[in-house]
Amino acid sequence: MMKDTKEIKNEQREYREEFNIIKDQINNYKQREYREEFNIIKDQINNYKQVIGKVKTENEELKREMKKMQEAIVKIKCKKNNKWNSSRKRKPKSAQGKNRN
């Protein structure tokens, strides 16, 4: 027996509906997988951002400490130079070449 075209069309529609349901299930599964992977990657990026933020603050603190140390070194050098100059009691440079006695 041959099937009517109506029966064939009905079967085709049923198969198409089943196919679409299965296709949707596969897409949902893929999206769920991708979403999980995306969340993992997003967490890793957030962790890296936190680490970078900590490193930046540590770097800034170290720069501040280094600047303080450099200022202290300059002060110490100035004190040494002043003591050294006062102990030698030399004429200022502007008067060194003039009126030697």
N, C-alpha and C. Protein backbone atom coordinates (compact mmCIF):
# COMPACT_ATOMS: atom_id res chain seq x y z
N MET A 1 0.82 -1.18 0.00
CA MET A 1 0.00 0.00 0.00
C MET A 1 0.86 1.25 0.00
N MET A 2 0.44 2.16 -0.76
CA MET A 2 1.13 3.46 -0.83
C MET A 2 0.51 4.38 0.20
N LYS A 3 1.36 5.20 0.73
CA LYS A 3 0.88 6.17 1.72
C LYS A 3 0.40 7.42 1.01
N ASP A 4 -0.58 8.02 1.60
CA ASP A 4 -1.06 9.29 1.07
C ASP A 4 0.00 10.36 1.29
N THR A 5 -0.09 11.38 0.52
CA THR A 5 0.83 12.51 0.70
C THR A 5 0.59 13.18 2.05
N LYS A 6 -0.65 13.15 2.53
CA LYS A 6 -0.94 13.73 3.84
C LYS A 6 -0.22 12.95 4.94
N GLU A 7 -0.27 11.64 4.83
CA GLU A 7 0.41 10.80 5.82
C GLU A 7 1.91 11.04 5.79
N ILE A 8 2.46 11.13 4.59
CA ILE A 8 3.90 11.37 4.44
C ILE A 8 4.27 12.72 5.04
N LYS A 9 3.48 13.73 4.75
CA LYS A 9 3.75 15.06 5.29
C LYS A 9 3.65 15.06 6.81
N ASN A 10 2.68 14.34 7.35
CA ASN A 10 2.54 14.25 8.80
C ASN A 10 3.76 13.58 9.42
N GLU A 11 4.21 12.48 8.81
CA GLU A 11 5.40 11.79 9.30
C GLU A 11 6.62 12.71 9.24
N GLN A 12 6.74 13.41 8.12
CA GLN A 12 7.86 14.33 7.97
C GLN A 12 7.83 15.41 9.06
N ARG A 13 6.65 15.94 9.33
CA ARG A 13 6.50 16.96 10.35
C ARG A 13 6.90 16.41 11.72
N GLU A 14 6.45 15.17 12.02
CA GLU A 14 6.80 14.55 13.29
C GLU A 14 8.31 14.36 13.42
N TYR A 15 8.92 13.87 12.33
CA TYR A 15 10.38 13.67 12.35
C TYR A 15 11.11 15.01 12.51
N ARG A 16 10.59 16.02 11.84
CA ARG A 16 11.20 17.36 11.93
C ARG A 16 11.09 17.89 13.35
N GLU A 17 9.94 17.67 13.98
CA GLU A 17 9.74 18.12 15.36
C GLU A 17 10.70 17.40 16.30
N GLU A 18 10.81 16.08 16.12
CA GLU A 18 11.73 15.30 16.95
C GLU A 18 13.18 15.77 16.72
N PHE A 19 13.50 15.99 15.45
CA PHE A 19 14.83 16.46 15.12
C PHE A 19 15.13 17.80 15.80
N ASN A 20 14.16 18.71 15.76
CA ASN A 20 14.34 20.03 16.38
C ASN A 20 14.50 19.92 17.89
N ILE A 21 13.74 19.00 18.49
CA ILE A 21 13.87 18.80 19.94
C ILE A 21 15.27 18.31 20.28
N ILE A 22 15.75 17.32 19.53
CA ILE A 22 17.09 16.77 19.77
C ILE A 22 18.15 17.84 19.52
N LYS A 23 17.97 18.62 18.46
CA LYS A 23 18.90 19.69 18.13
C LYS A 23 18.95 20.72 19.27
N ASP A 24 17.79 21.06 19.82
CA ASP A 24 17.74 22.01 20.94
C ASP A 24 18.45 21.44 22.17
N GLN A 25 18.25 20.15 22.42
CA GLN A 25 18.92 19.52 23.56
C GLN A 25 20.44 19.57 23.40
N ILE A 26 20.91 19.28 22.19
CA ILE A 26 22.35 19.33 21.93
C ILE A 26 22.87 20.75 22.12
N ASN A 27 22.16 21.73 21.58
CA ASN A 27 22.58 23.12 21.73
C ASN A 27 22.61 23.55 23.20
N ASN A 28 21.59 23.13 23.95
CA ASN A 28 21.56 23.45 25.38
C ASN A 28 22.75 22.84 26.10
N TYR A 29 23.06 21.58 25.76
CA TYR A 29 24.20 20.90 26.37
C TYR A 29 25.50 21.64 26.04
N LYS A 30 25.66 22.02 24.76
CA LYS A 30 26.87 22.74 24.35
C LYS A 30 26.96 24.08 25.08
N GLN A 31 25.83 24.78 25.16
CA GLN A 31 25.84 26.07 25.84
C GLN A 31 26.22 25.91 27.31
N ARG A 32 25.70 24.86 27.93
CA ARG A 32 26.03 24.62 29.33
C ARG A 32 27.52 24.34 29.48
N GLU A 33 28.08 23.53 28.58
CA GLU A 33 29.52 23.25 28.61
C GLU A 33 30.32 24.52 28.42
N TYR A 34 29.93 25.31 27.41
CA TYR A 34 30.65 26.54 27.14
C TYR A 34 30.53 27.52 28.30
N ARG A 35 29.36 27.55 28.90
CA ARG A 35 29.14 28.45 30.03
C ARG A 35 30.05 28.05 31.19
N GLU A 36 30.16 26.74 31.45
CA GLU A 36 31.04 26.27 32.51
C GLU A 36 32.49 26.64 32.22
N GLU A 37 32.93 26.41 30.98
CA GLU A 37 34.29 26.77 30.60
C GLU A 37 34.49 28.27 30.72
N PHE A 38 33.50 29.04 30.28
CA PHE A 38 33.59 30.50 30.37
C PHE A 38 33.73 30.94 31.82
N ASN A 39 32.94 30.34 32.71
CA ASN A 39 33.01 30.70 34.13
C ASN A 39 34.38 30.37 34.72
N ILE A 40 34.93 29.24 34.32
CA ILE A 40 36.26 28.86 34.81
C ILE A 40 37.29 29.89 34.35
N ILE A 41 37.22 30.25 33.07
CA ILE A 41 38.17 31.22 32.53
C ILE A 41 37.97 32.58 33.19
N LYS A 42 36.71 32.95 33.42
CA LYS A 42 36.41 34.23 34.06
C LYS A 42 36.99 34.26 35.48
N ASP A 43 36.87 33.15 36.21
CA ASP A 43 37.44 33.06 37.55
C ASP A 43 38.97 33.21 37.51
N GLN A 44 39.59 32.55 36.53
CA GLN A 44 41.04 32.66 36.40
C GLN A 44 41.45 34.10 36.12
N ILE A 45 40.72 34.77 35.25
CA ILE A 45 41.03 36.17 34.94
C ILE A 45 40.89 37.03 36.19
N ASN A 46 39.83 36.81 36.96
CA ASN A 46 39.64 37.58 38.20
C ASN A 46 40.78 37.32 39.18
N ASN A 47 41.23 36.06 39.27
CA ASN A 47 42.36 35.74 40.14
C ASN A 47 43.62 36.48 39.68
N TYR A 48 43.87 36.47 38.37
CA TYR A 48 45.03 37.18 37.84
C TYR A 48 44.94 38.67 38.12
N LYS A 49 43.73 39.24 37.99
CA LYS A 49 43.56 40.66 38.27
C LYS A 49 43.89 40.96 39.73
N GLN A 50 43.46 40.07 40.63
CA GLN A 50 43.75 40.27 42.05
C GLN A 50 45.25 40.22 42.29
N VAL A 51 45.92 39.25 41.66
CA VAL A 51 47.37 39.12 41.83
C VAL A 51 48.06 40.36 41.29
N ILE A 52 47.63 40.81 40.12
CA ILE A 52 48.23 42.00 39.51
C ILE A 52 48.01 43.21 40.42
N GLY A 53 46.83 43.32 41.00
CA GLY A 53 46.54 44.43 41.91
C GLY A 53 47.44 44.39 43.14
N LYS A 54 47.65 43.20 43.70
CA LYS A 54 48.53 43.06 44.85
C LYS A 54 49.96 43.44 44.48
N VAL A 55 50.41 42.98 43.32
CA VAL A 55 51.77 43.28 42.88
C VAL A 55 51.94 44.78 42.68
N LYS A 56 50.92 45.42 42.09
CA LYS A 56 51.00 46.87 41.87
C LYS A 56 51.12 47.62 43.19
N THR A 57 50.30 47.23 44.19
CA THR A 57 50.35 47.94 45.47
C THR A 57 51.70 47.68 46.15
N GLU A 58 52.19 46.44 46.08
CA GLU A 58 53.50 46.15 46.66
C GLU A 58 54.58 46.97 45.95
N ASN A 59 54.47 47.07 44.64
CA ASN A 59 55.44 47.84 43.86
C ASN A 59 55.41 49.31 44.28
N GLU A 60 54.22 49.86 44.45
CA GLU A 60 54.09 51.25 44.87
C GLU A 60 54.68 51.45 46.26
N GLU A 61 54.43 50.50 47.16
CA GLU A 61 54.98 50.60 48.51
C GLU A 61 56.51 50.56 48.46
N LEU A 62 57.05 49.65 47.64
CA LEU A 62 58.50 49.56 47.52
C LEU A 62 59.09 50.85 46.93
N LYS A 63 58.39 51.44 45.97
CA LYS A 63 58.87 52.70 45.39
C LYS A 63 58.89 53.80 46.46
N ARG A 64 57.84 53.85 47.29
CA ARG A 64 57.80 54.86 48.35
C ARG A 64 58.94 54.66 49.34
N GLU A 65 59.16 53.38 49.72
CA GLU A 65 60.25 53.09 50.65
C GLU A 65 61.60 53.45 50.04
N MET A 66 61.77 53.14 48.75
CA MET A 66 63.03 53.45 48.08
C MET A 66 63.25 54.97 48.04
N LYS A 67 62.18 55.71 47.79
CA LYS A 67 62.29 57.17 47.75
C LYS A 67 62.69 57.70 49.12
N LYS A 68 62.09 57.15 50.18
CA LYS A 68 62.45 57.57 51.54
C LYS A 68 63.92 57.27 51.82
N MET A 69 64.37 56.08 51.39
CA MET A 69 65.77 55.71 51.60
C MET A 69 66.70 56.64 50.84
N GLN A 70 66.33 56.97 49.61
CA GLN A 70 67.16 57.89 48.83
C GLN A 70 67.23 59.26 49.49
N GLU A 71 66.10 59.73 50.01
CA GLU A 71 66.09 61.02 50.72
C GLU A 71 66.98 60.96 51.96
N ALA A 72 66.93 59.83 52.68
CA ALA A 72 67.76 59.67 53.87
C ALA A 72 69.24 59.66 53.48
N ILE A 73 69.56 58.98 52.38
CA ILE A 73 70.96 58.94 51.91
C ILE A 73 71.43 60.34 51.56
N VAL A 74 70.58 61.11 50.87
CA VAL A 74 70.95 62.48 50.52
C VAL A 74 71.18 63.30 51.78
N LYS A 75 70.33 63.14 52.78
CA LYS A 75 70.50 63.89 54.04
C LYS A 75 71.81 63.52 54.70
N ILE A 76 72.11 62.22 54.72
CA ILE A 76 73.36 61.76 55.35
C ILE A 76 74.56 62.33 54.59
N LYS A 77 74.52 62.30 53.28
CA LYS A 77 75.61 62.85 52.48
C LYS A 77 75.78 64.34 52.74
N CYS A 78 74.66 65.06 52.83
CA CYS A 78 74.73 66.49 53.10
C CYS A 78 75.37 66.75 54.45
N LYS A 79 75.00 65.97 55.46
CA LYS A 79 75.58 66.13 56.80
C LYS A 79 77.07 65.86 56.75
N LYS A 80 77.47 64.79 56.06
CA LYS A 80 78.89 64.46 55.94
C LYS A 80 79.64 65.58 55.24
N ASN A 81 79.07 66.07 54.13
CA ASN A 81 79.72 67.14 53.38
C ASN A 81 79.86 68.39 54.23
N ASN A 82 78.84 68.73 54.99
CA ASN A 82 78.91 69.92 55.83
C ASN A 82 79.99 69.77 56.89
N LYS A 83 80.07 68.60 57.54
CA LYS A 83 81.10 68.36 58.55
C LYS A 83 82.48 68.42 57.91
N TRP A 84 82.60 67.79 56.77
CA TRP A 84 83.89 67.74 56.09
C TRP A 84 84.33 69.14 55.70
N ASN A 85 83.41 69.93 55.15
CA ASN A 85 83.74 71.29 54.73
C ASN A 85 84.10 72.16 55.93
N SER A 86 83.35 72.01 57.02
CA SER A 86 83.61 72.86 58.18
C SER A 86 84.92 72.47 58.85
N SER A 87 85.34 71.22 58.78
CA SER A 87 86.58 70.81 59.43
C SER A 87 87.80 71.27 58.64
N ARG A 88 87.70 71.41 57.34
CA ARG A 88 88.84 71.83 56.52
C ARG A 88 88.99 73.34 56.50
N LYS A 89 87.91 74.02 56.71
CA LYS A 89 87.91 75.49 56.73
C LYS A 89 88.61 76.06 55.52
N ARG A 90 88.08 75.77 54.42
CA ARG A 90 88.66 76.24 53.18
C ARG A 90 87.89 77.45 52.70
N LYS A 91 88.49 78.24 51.85
CA LYS A 91 87.82 79.41 51.30
C LYS A 91 86.75 78.95 50.33
N PRO A 92 85.71 79.71 50.16
CA PRO A 92 84.71 79.36 49.15
C PRO A 92 85.34 79.35 47.77
N LYS A 93 84.79 78.62 46.87
CA LYS A 93 85.35 78.46 45.53
C LYS A 93 85.48 79.78 44.81
N SER A 94 84.59 80.70 45.08
CA SER A 94 84.64 81.99 44.39
C SER A 94 85.90 82.76 44.78
N ALA A 95 86.42 82.53 45.97
CA ALA A 95 87.59 83.29 46.43
C ALA A 95 88.88 82.48 46.33
N GLN A 96 88.83 81.27 45.87
CA GLN A 96 90.03 80.41 45.87
C GLN A 96 91.12 80.94 44.96
N GLY A 97 90.76 81.39 43.80
CA GLY A 97 91.78 81.80 42.84
C GLY A 97 92.28 83.21 43.06
N LYS A 98 91.65 83.97 43.90
CA LYS A 98 91.99 85.37 44.09
C LYS A 98 92.80 85.57 45.37
N ASN A 99 93.66 86.55 45.36
CA ASN A 99 94.38 87.01 46.56
C ASN A 99 95.00 85.88 47.36
N ARG A 100 95.86 85.14 46.74
CA ARG A 100 96.53 84.07 47.50
C ARG A 100 97.63 84.68 48.35
N ASN A 101 97.64 84.37 49.62
CA ASN A 101 98.68 84.88 50.53
C ASN A 101 99.40 83.76 51.19
